[in-house]
Amino acid sequence: MARVVLHIGTHKTGTTTIQHVFARNREILQEAGLIYPEVGRQPGHHALIAPWVNLPAVFHVGDDPDPLWVALAERHAGDEGVVFLSSEEFSRATKNRRVDFGHVRKLLAGFEGVSVVCVLRDQASFLQSVFLEVAKKASQPPSWQSFFTRSLASDLTTGLHLDYNNLYDQLRADFAEDEIAFVSYNDACVHPDGLVGDMLERMGTRVSAGELTGNRSVNVSPEPLAGWMAAAMAEKEGAPPVAVEAAVTALRATHGSDVRTTIYTREELDAVLAKYQAPNATFEHRIRERDPNFRFPDCRIGPDWIGRDRLDEIVWIRFAREIYYRLPDQEPI
């Protein structure tokens, strides 16, 4: 009899990459004991929860997800191995736009068991990455300052938890402690076979990432400061790739080809780190009581990175020139 693992993200932790690779290699994975069902039109399993979290219509398969869950159970409950269901939308926090895990467990009662695996980033890099995703896709990119202030005040960013104690409490309402596994994004990234290899190993799968096709990163965030500059220029539409490319060129011309950047000013970064230092220590203690190897991920933004407060007029002039060069039918000046 199969057991189910719900891979709930979180967002910006390589979920899209894992979903694309697993979807492309379903037959190989199933032979190795990992079942990655096809549900809906997307590589991820967003259709299973789309009505709950109010996802766009492209993710929906009907108005009621229950038949999808029932069909999945009928098809795979009697199989051997692990049924792996992946959607970062499982981790949504807003009360009227979150998954009813209690109901999900009832629908999956025919399986041997149900558990959760959740990958976490430090709040500073997570918040920045979420902003860049919003800025890339939103019809009107938000102001970073208002986005930042609102997120820290509410402990939520676009309906996602920033205090991971609250995420743990949300899961504990429907799962036992030993049914929940948290993974440090930093640790997963340094696995010899990357994020995909780390997840395969955690699932006990008898296949390596090197045996799978299409094993490459998907939906990678742009260079942070370049993404912010492009969003600031766009104002009323998503930041276009050409603007991001122009900003990267301007930043490298000014600060060197190996420049590392962040949207944060030093004061903003210090504020995030200070706000979540105590909650993170509490969270790590809670998880280490049953998983002594868990380490909360360190901040991935270095103290010497170029922040928003280090931009000068030279960068902006170079940025404007690079955009001009990239416009159609323009000659360099």
Protein backbone atom coordinates (compact mmCIF):
# COMPACT_ATOMS: atom_id res chain seq x y z
CA MET A 1 0.00 0.00 0.00
CA ALA A 2 1.34 3.47 -0.93
CA ARG A 3 1.88 6.39 1.35
CA VAL A 4 1.46 10.05 0.37
CA VAL A 5 3.97 12.87 0.80
CA LEU A 6 2.68 16.42 0.35
CA HIS A 7 5.52 18.65 -0.83
CA ILE A 8 4.16 22.04 0.25
CA GLY A 9 6.94 24.36 -0.93
CA THR A 10 7.46 26.85 0.40
CA HIS A 11 7.52 29.30 -2.49
CA LYS A 12 10.89 30.16 -4.03
CA THR A 13 12.63 27.03 -2.75
CA GLY A 14 13.04 25.18 -6.04
CA THR A 15 9.50 23.78 -6.13
CA THR A 16 8.97 24.62 -9.79
CA THR A 17 12.24 22.93 -10.74
CA ILE A 18 11.33 19.78 -8.83
CA GLN A 19 7.86 19.72 -10.37
CA HIS A 20 9.14 20.07 -13.94
CA VAL A 21 11.83 17.41 -13.52
CA PHE A 22 9.50 14.95 -11.79
CA ALA A 23 6.74 15.48 -14.38
CA ARG A 24 9.17 14.89 -17.23
CA ASN A 25 10.47 11.66 -15.68
CA ARG A 26 7.29 10.03 -14.35
CA GLU A 27 8.00 6.56 -15.76
CA ILE A 28 11.58 6.40 -14.46
CA LEU A 29 10.50 7.60 -11.01
CA GLN A 30 7.60 5.17 -10.77
CA GLU A 31 9.90 2.26 -11.57
CA ALA A 32 12.07 3.47 -8.68
CA GLY A 33 9.16 3.65 -6.25
CA LEU A 34 8.20 7.33 -6.52
CA ILE A 35 4.79 7.99 -8.07
CA TYR A 36 4.32 11.51 -9.43
CA PRO A 37 0.72 11.55 -10.72
CA GLU A 38 -0.47 13.66 -13.61
CA VAL A 39 -3.24 15.94 -12.35
CA GLY A 40 -4.45 18.86 -14.43
CA ARG A 41 -2.46 20.71 -17.06
CA GLN A 42 0.50 21.87 -14.98
CA PRO A 43 3.68 20.06 -13.87
CA GLY A 44 2.76 20.82 -10.26
CA HIS A 45 -0.38 19.54 -8.54
CA HIS A 46 -2.02 22.95 -8.17
CA ALA A 47 -5.33 21.67 -9.58
CA LEU A 48 -5.87 19.64 -6.40
CA ILE A 49 -6.14 22.82 -4.34
CA ALA A 50 -6.89 25.59 -6.84
CA PRO A 51 -10.44 26.35 -5.61
CA TRP A 52 -9.32 26.51 -1.97
CA VAL A 53 -6.59 29.09 -2.54
CA ASN A 54 -8.36 30.86 -5.41
CA LEU A 55 -5.72 30.28 -8.06
CA PRO A 56 -6.18 31.63 -11.62
CA ALA A 57 -8.48 29.67 -13.94
CA VAL A 58 -5.59 28.01 -15.80
CA PHE A 59 -4.87 25.90 -12.69
CA HIS A 60 -8.46 24.68 -12.20
CA VAL A 61 -9.95 21.36 -13.27
CA GLY A 62 -13.60 21.94 -12.38
CA ASP A 63 -14.97 23.84 -9.42
CA ASP A 64 -14.67 21.01 -6.90
CA PRO A 65 -11.29 19.37 -6.22
CA ASP A 66 -12.77 16.36 -4.37
CA PRO A 67 -13.24 14.19 -7.49
CA LEU A 68 -9.55 14.69 -8.32
CA TRP A 69 -8.50 13.48 -4.87
CA VAL A 70 -10.92 10.54 -5.00
CA ALA A 71 -9.67 9.48 -8.44
CA LEU A 72 -6.08 9.77 -7.27
CA ALA A 73 -6.79 7.53 -4.26
CA GLU A 74 -8.60 4.95 -6.38
CA ARG A 75 -5.71 4.86 -8.84
CA HIS A 76 -2.75 4.73 -6.46
CA ALA A 77 -3.71 3.73 -2.91
CA GLY A 78 -3.02 0.07 -3.68
CA ASP A 79 0.38 0.75 -5.27
CA GLU A 80 3.74 0.25 -3.62
CA GLY A 81 5.98 3.20 -2.85
CA VAL A 82 5.46 6.92 -2.32
CA VAL A 83 2.89 9.12 -4.03
CA PHE A 84 4.53 12.55 -4.20
CA LEU A 85 2.18 15.53 -4.56
CA SER A 86 3.82 18.91 -5.02
CA SER A 87 2.43 22.43 -4.88
CA GLU A 88 3.86 25.44 -3.09
CA GLU A 89 0.27 26.65 -2.79
CA PHE A 90 -0.25 24.08 -0.01
CA SER A 91 1.61 26.51 2.26
CA ARG A 92 -0.80 29.43 1.86
CA ALA A 93 -1.59 31.08 5.20
CA THR A 94 -4.62 33.35 4.75
CA LYS A 95 -7.54 31.75 6.56
CA ASN A 96 -10.04 32.07 3.73
CA ARG A 97 -7.44 31.03 1.12
CA ARG A 98 -5.69 28.02 2.60
CA VAL A 99 -5.91 24.27 2.11
CA ASP A 100 -8.22 22.28 4.36
CA PHE A 101 -5.71 19.61 5.35
CA GLY A 102 -8.23 17.86 7.57
CA HIS A 103 -10.48 17.33 4.58
CA VAL A 104 -7.51 16.22 2.46
CA ARG A 105 -6.63 13.56 5.03
CA LYS A 106 -10.15 12.16 4.86
CA LEU A 107 -9.94 11.97 1.07
CA LEU A 108 -6.60 10.13 1.39
CA ALA A 109 -7.75 7.73 4.10
CA GLY A 110 -7.17 4.74 1.82
CA PHE A 111 -3.39 5.30 1.81
CA GLU A 112 -0.98 3.85 4.34
CA GLY A 113 -0.22 7.33 5.66
CA VAL A 114 0.08 11.02 4.79
CA SER A 115 3.02 13.26 5.65
CA VAL A 116 4.38 16.69 4.75
CA VAL A 117 7.80 17.89 3.58
CA CYS A 118 8.45 21.62 3.60
CA VAL A 119 11.58 23.52 2.49
CA LEU A 120 12.31 26.86 4.19
CA ARG A 121 14.45 29.88 3.35
CA ASP A 122 15.61 32.58 5.72
CA GLN A 123 13.07 35.40 5.82
CA ALA A 124 15.32 38.06 4.28
CA SER A 125 16.06 36.20 1.05
CA PHE A 126 12.56 34.69 0.98
CA LEU A 127 10.85 38.08 1.24
CA GLN A 128 13.10 39.56 -1.43
CA SER A 129 12.53 36.63 -3.79
CA VAL A 130 8.75 36.81 -3.37
CA PHE A 131 8.85 40.54 -4.20
CA LEU A 132 10.82 39.87 -7.37
CA GLU A 133 8.29 37.24 -8.44
CA VAL A 134 5.42 39.67 -7.85
CA ALA A 135 7.26 42.48 -9.66
CA LYS A 136 7.86 40.21 -12.65
CA LYS A 137 4.23 39.14 -13.03
CA ALA A 138 2.05 41.91 -11.56
CA SER A 139 0.25 44.29 -13.89
CA GLN A 140 1.44 47.06 -11.57
CA PRO A 141 4.61 46.18 -9.61
CA PRO A 142 4.30 47.18 -5.93
CA SER A 143 6.53 49.65 -4.18
CA TRP A 144 9.29 47.78 -2.37
CA GLN A 145 9.00 50.07 0.67
CA SER A 146 5.27 49.46 1.12
CA PHE A 147 5.68 45.73 0.38
CA PHE A 148 8.46 45.46 2.95
CA THR A 149 6.69 47.43 5.68
CA ARG A 150 3.37 45.63 5.21
CA SER A 151 5.01 42.20 5.24
CA LEU A 152 6.96 42.74 8.46
CA ALA A 153 3.96 44.26 10.22
CA SER A 154 1.70 41.29 9.40
CA ASP A 155 4.22 38.40 9.42
CA LEU A 156 2.76 37.56 6.00
CA THR A 157 3.92 38.31 2.47
CA THR A 158 1.34 37.81 -0.29
CA GLY A 159 -0.47 35.39 2.04
CA LEU A 160 2.65 33.40 2.96
CA HIS A 161 4.03 32.89 6.47
CA LEU A 162 7.15 34.76 7.55
CA ASP A 163 7.07 33.48 11.13
CA TYR A 164 7.48 29.75 10.55
CA ASN A 165 6.14 28.94 14.00
CA ASN A 166 2.75 29.96 12.60
CA LEU A 167 3.21 27.64 9.62
CA TYR A 168 4.13 24.80 11.98
CA ASP A 169 1.07 25.49 14.15
CA GLN A 170 -1.12 25.48 11.03
CA LEU A 171 0.21 22.06 10.02
CA ARG A 172 0.07 20.63 13.53
CA ALA A 173 -3.70 21.12 13.52
CA ASP A 174 -3.94 18.14 11.13
CA PHE A 175 -0.59 16.33 11.25
CA ALA A 176 1.39 14.69 14.03
CA GLU A 177 4.93 15.89 14.76
CA ASP A 178 6.50 12.88 13.09
CA GLU A 179 4.43 13.47 9.94
CA ILE A 180 6.02 16.88 9.30
CA ALA A 181 9.56 17.30 7.95
CA PHE A 182 11.19 20.70 7.53
CA VAL A 183 14.23 21.10 5.28
CA SER A 184 16.72 23.96 5.18
CA TYR A 185 16.90 25.40 1.67
CA ASN A 186 20.59 26.13 2.25
CA ASP A 187 21.32 22.49 3.06
CA ALA A 188 19.29 21.24 0.09
CA CYS A 189 21.16 23.54 -2.30
CA VAL A 190 24.57 22.12 -1.37
CA HIS A 191 23.53 18.52 -2.04
CA PRO A 192 25.87 17.06 -4.71
CA ASP A 193 22.87 16.57 -7.01
CA GLY A 194 21.19 19.86 -6.10
CA LEU A 195 17.63 20.40 -4.95
CA VAL A 196 16.26 17.55 -7.05
CA GLY A 197 18.85 15.13 -5.74
CA ASP A 198 18.19 16.18 -2.17
CA MET A 199 14.45 15.54 -2.52
CA LEU A 200 14.98 12.18 -4.23
CA GLU A 201 17.24 11.11 -1.38
CA ARG A 202 14.72 12.22 1.24
CA MET A 203 12.04 10.17 -0.47
CA GLY A 204 14.27 7.10 -0.44
CA THR A 205 14.07 6.86 -4.22
CA ARG A 206 16.30 4.36 -6.01
CA VAL A 207 17.34 6.79 -8.72
CA SER A 208 19.74 9.75 -8.85
CA ALA A 209 19.14 13.20 -10.28
CA GLY A 210 21.75 12.48 -12.95
CA GLU A 211 19.52 9.77 -14.40
CA LEU A 212 16.66 12.20 -15.01
CA THR A 213 16.23 14.38 -18.09
CA GLY A 214 15.55 18.11 -18.00
CA ASN A 215 17.30 18.52 -14.66
CA ARG A 216 17.83 22.28 -14.65
CA SER A 217 16.63 25.23 -12.63
CA VAL A 218 13.26 26.73 -13.57
CA ASN A 219 11.71 30.08 -12.57
CA VAL A 220 14.95 31.45 -11.12
CA SER A 221 14.73 34.93 -9.60
CA PRO A 222 16.64 37.71 -11.38
CA GLU A 223 19.61 39.49 -9.83
CA PRO A 224 17.75 41.25 -6.96
CA LEU A 225 18.79 44.87 -7.47
CA ALA A 226 18.42 44.57 -11.24
CA GLY A 227 14.91 43.19 -10.74
CA TRP A 228 14.02 46.10 -8.45
CA MET A 229 15.44 48.68 -10.90
CA ALA A 230 13.44 47.15 -13.75
CA ALA A 231 10.25 47.14 -11.64
CA ALA A 232 10.81 50.76 -10.62
CA MET A 233 11.13 51.71 -14.29
CA ALA A 234 8.08 49.69 -15.38
CA GLU A 235 5.64 51.41 -12.98
CA LYS A 236 2.42 50.08 -14.50
CA GLU A 237 3.41 46.74 -16.00
CA GLY A 238 5.51 43.74 -15.08
CA ALA A 239 9.25 44.33 -15.24
CA PRO A 240 10.27 43.31 -18.79
CA PRO A 241 13.29 40.98 -19.21
CA VAL A 242 15.05 43.54 -21.40
CA ALA A 243 15.02 46.04 -18.52
CA VAL A 244 16.42 43.45 -16.11
CA GLU A 245 19.21 42.68 -18.59
CA ALA A 246 19.97 46.38 -18.93
CA ALA A 247 20.13 46.81 -15.16
CA VAL A 248 22.47 43.81 -14.77
CA THR A 249 24.81 45.30 -17.39
CA ALA A 250 24.78 48.70 -15.66
CA LEU A 251 25.47 47.21 -12.23
CA ARG A 252 28.35 45.08 -13.50
CA ALA A 253 29.87 48.00 -15.39
CA THR A 254 29.80 50.06 -12.20
CA HIS A 255 30.61 47.51 -9.50
CA GLY A 256 32.39 44.70 -11.32
CA SER A 257 31.37 41.52 -13.10
CA ASP A 258 31.16 39.49 -9.89
CA VAL A 259 28.90 41.95 -8.06
CA ARG A 260 26.31 40.47 -5.68
CA THR A 261 23.27 42.62 -4.98
CA THR A 262 20.23 42.95 -2.74
CA ILE A 263 17.19 45.20 -2.73
CA TYR A 264 17.64 45.87 0.97
CA THR A 265 19.32 48.85 2.50
CA ARG A 266 21.56 47.90 5.41
CA GLU A 267 18.93 49.20 7.85
CA GLU A 268 16.13 47.15 6.24
CA LEU A 269 18.19 43.96 6.28
CA ASP A 270 19.11 44.49 9.92
CA ALA A 271 15.41 45.03 10.72
CA VAL A 272 14.40 41.69 9.15
CA LEU A 273 17.19 39.79 10.89
CA ALA A 274 16.37 41.38 14.24
CA LYS A 275 12.63 40.78 13.96
CA TYR A 276 12.95 37.06 13.27
CA GLN A 277 15.99 36.18 15.37
CA ALA A 278 13.94 35.10 18.40
CA PRO A 279 11.08 33.40 16.45
CA ASN A 280 13.64 31.48 14.40
CA ALA A 281 15.44 30.30 17.52
CA THR A 282 12.12 29.12 18.95
CA PHE A 283 11.22 27.36 15.71
CA GLU A 284 14.61 25.64 15.47
CA HIS A 285 14.29 24.42 19.08
CA ARG A 286 10.81 23.02 18.40
CA ILE A 287 11.94 21.11 15.31
CA ARG A 288 15.23 19.88 16.78
CA GLU A 289 13.34 18.17 19.60
CA ARG A 290 12.42 15.47 17.06
CA ASP A 291 14.98 16.19 14.31
CA PRO A 292 18.37 16.94 15.92
CA ASN A 293 19.97 17.51 12.51
CA PHE A 294 17.71 20.42 11.54
CA ARG A 295 19.42 23.80 11.29
CA PHE A 296 17.52 26.96 10.51
CA PRO A 297 18.91 28.38 7.24
CA ASP A 298 21.35 31.25 7.62
CA CYS A 299 20.71 34.49 5.75
CA ARG A 300 21.95 34.08 2.19
CA ILE A 301 22.50 37.84 1.71
CA GLY A 302 26.09 38.80 2.45
CA PRO A 303 27.06 41.95 4.41
CA ASP A 304 29.19 43.19 1.49
CA TRP A 305 26.45 42.92 -1.14
CA ILE A 306 25.47 46.09 -3.01
CA GLY A 307 22.10 47.35 -1.71
CA ARG A 308 19.59 49.92 -2.90
CA ASP A 309 21.30 52.57 -0.78
CA ARG A 310 24.54 52.11 -2.78
CA LEU A 311 23.05 53.12 -6.13
CA ASP A 312 24.38 56.37 -7.53
CA GLU A 313 23.60 58.46 -10.61
CA ILE A 314 26.26 56.66 -12.67
CA VAL A 315 24.36 53.37 -12.40
CA TRP A 316 21.07 54.98 -13.38
CA ILE A 317 22.65 56.75 -16.37
CA ARG A 318 24.18 53.48 -17.55
CA PHE A 319 20.86 51.74 -16.99
CA ALA A 320 19.02 54.30 -19.13
CA ARG A 321 21.65 54.01 -21.87
CA GLU A 322 21.47 50.21 -21.87
CA ILE A 323 17.67 50.29 -22.18
CA TYR A 324 17.97 52.75 -25.06
CA TYR A 325 20.42 50.44 -26.85
CA ARG A 326 18.00 47.54 -26.49
CA LEU A 327 15.02 49.38 -27.96
CA PRO A 328 14.16 48.36 -31.53
CA ASP A 329 15.53 50.50 -34.37
CA GLN A 330 17.88 52.49 -32.14
CA GLU A 331 21.52 53.22 -32.89
CA PRO A 332 24.07 53.45 -30.02
CA ILE A 333 24.84 57.01 -28.96
